[in-house]
């Protein structure tokens, strides 16, 4: 590294940015910041050194202070979420990445900083990408003198240099010692992630400790595997070996103990996650055992869930791990995988921004002023945030009230962004403070932040960890099996200080447990859960599961033995599992009243109306919250208009079969046929009353006449005819009576109905004698259609059907007369029908009627002369 010092100082003196690549152990993290202390361009301002991990930040701060012969907090200090060791003379401030974002949001100019160093940038954390993007924008708009230095052991230097404006890059070979690589794969196992691998890991560790001197560092994917391997090693370690776990959720004291030098005459066995890959030199470690696995959170935008995924470490990460063995002396690295497996391992660590929940990032960008789609893409990113992840994040933040419809941060969103918590937990904290549940909110946020295992006191009787957050709250607040200064309790107190909550938080939180569900529900509104009726049997003899439906529409489940399995509603904070059905891991009970008070404005009320097969209207009122069905009950008085619409839709969907069930009668059928005849002759404006037309849009002609009907059978024939008549304007109704009358007066004086709608056209039936004297067939439709005449005998039996009455009189009548006069001798059968009087009477009755008519005429005439006679007298 020393040969790079003059060039590095020269490049930074000229301003701008720089990329530095050096292998693990080269000293870049501790030496470069100290080199810069004397640079004149600092002008009394600070160097901000970003470290991705808290344990590395503390260790680095202590080491640089020791190199200067000082205590931390003088020239060198550190600041992170839970602690701050800085003073008025601090010039090098080692900070974790989230601290940089908050400093930039507080003042985008970073007036107290002259240089920002991004260490271990190859880890590609979300916060590092965000911090660099904001620093680049700040430098472009406000601080052209701000120096940016990006350092890494394994990095695509050219890509980062391009991002920083094609800045120069420096590289060095480093000063690590040789490391012997041994390959000890687990043979014959179908999966590399199971208990057999942890037993194999423990066996390799014990073998190395027997054969080699020095301390040992083993890399495992997570805290659970560390506990498993520790349990396998605990009683089998050599007397001089001390077991030390090292992972993110440990307290600072426990983490510092893991990286501290071993006491004289002892050695350490450090079981660590990827936290120990970079920036840490553990004194005395010359043995490394690498299981070859890493665990990271992957966010699935399709279901809104983050899940921890265990996968192969990258080749770059494996190289970093092996380098731990050669920091201070030659060492050995045992890799528990075969050489050929490296063909499937990715070269570099996958950037967190591609797989993470982006709600926190988007909230910070909205507060920065670039939260819209165009704003996000305008920033400088090595990898653009995925559009799908941003869309889900934007919806989440809108649901939480952090963004408005335009994607701008609301006042609530700005307050949320100012808290050192995820957007969901920040929403929980602010709502808890606002509603007087601040102590409970702080304890709950601390529990959800840690999500560590519960002691036996917090488990179900069958040994399974309960999903009920009330159990964890009790565990935390009562302090059972929990040292006073463990991280959850310390973090709860820190949050209480930030929110200015003055109560005794643990005692107050215990007394306030009824608000647990509502607080959770506001932070995870899309994960409100409703129990479904029937439990699902366990697979392959497993335990039965209670089924729940989440507000988002996803299915979830709990063992029926869980205390929450019988609750109607749950506020859920954690769900695991892939596919369509997840396992509820953290939740709290929520009653119906609480749910409705919290989300009343979002509950949808829908009166749904359906029609049974027999045409009866079935009305129900449904209240839903997303996919949750809160109420479904009969509606005793459904809206009349809605009923009419439903019946019309029933007719429309049912087709001719349902249309035929309307109360048609002869009067309606004849009226409809009359209109149809005139439409056939004239077209528009006569309405189309065919079955197809009536079925096409029943709501336009029938709906107003179904207003009072709750069943199709309640529609009367009179109302149906009224509905059809309403389709004719007054002028057309008058024309209908004139051009297609419903009856015709035959010459005998009787009105005989005209029958429409049958094959052959309109027809009229009358006794033959009633048409005597009628020379031609009657016509309708302004003379365009001759009625078909059905000429009947005196007994009403058909004699002749004709549309040409004149032709019948000339050519057919005599034959009918000859045949019928003997059969019906009492009825007139004149030789000339055109001169005979039309009648429906027998000859005798006709003679009597004529006689009476003559007598009446005589009497009328005598009465007329009476007065005259009287005058003559």
Foldseek 3Di string as FASTA:
>chain_A
DVVCLVVVLVQPLVAFEEEEAEAFLQCCLQPVLVSCPPRVLLVQAAEEEEDAAPLLLVVSQQVNCVVVVHGEAACGWEDEDQDTRHDPRHRYYYYYLLVLLLCCLVPVLNVRHQEYEYEQCLLQEPSSQLSVLSVLVSCVPPNVRRYYYYYHHDDPRQLVCVLRVVRYYYYDHGDWAAAAEAEAADPDDPDLPDPVVLLVLLVVVQVCVVVDDWAEEEEDADPVSLVSNCVVCVVPHPPQEDEAEAERQFDSVSNCVLQEEDDPSHYYYYYYYLVPLHSGARPGAQEYEYSQKYWDWFADLVQRAIDIDIDGDAPVSVVSRSRSNGNPYYHYYYYHDDPVCNVPHHHGNDNVLAGDQCLLVLLSQLSVPQNDPVSQVVTRGSDRRDPSSSVSSQVLCVLLVQADPRSHGDPLSVQLNSDPAGSLLSSLQVVCLVVVNNLLSLLLRLCLVNVDADPQQQDFPVSHHAQEVLSVLCCVLVVVVHPCPRRSNSSSVVSCVVSVPDDPSSVSNNVVVVCVFVSLCSSVVQFKKFWDDDWADDPPPDAIWTWIATLQGAIEIEGCSHPCSPAGIKRADHWDDDDRYTYGRHIHGDDPVSVCVNCVVQKDWDWDWAADPQFFIWIWIWIGRRPRTPDTGTDPDDQLLNLLVRSLVVLLVVAPVVVVPAPDDQVLVQLLQLLVVVCVVPPPPRDDPDSVVCSVCVCVQCSVLSSPPRGRVPRDNVSVSVSVCVSDDPVVVVLSCQFPNQWDQFLQRDTWGWGGDDPPGIATEDAQLSRQQPQFADAGRVRPGGHWYQHAHLVRHGDDIDSGVNCCQVPPLVVSLVVCCVVQVQADRDNRSNPDRRHSDGPVVVVVVVVVVVVVVVVVVVVVCVVVVVVVD
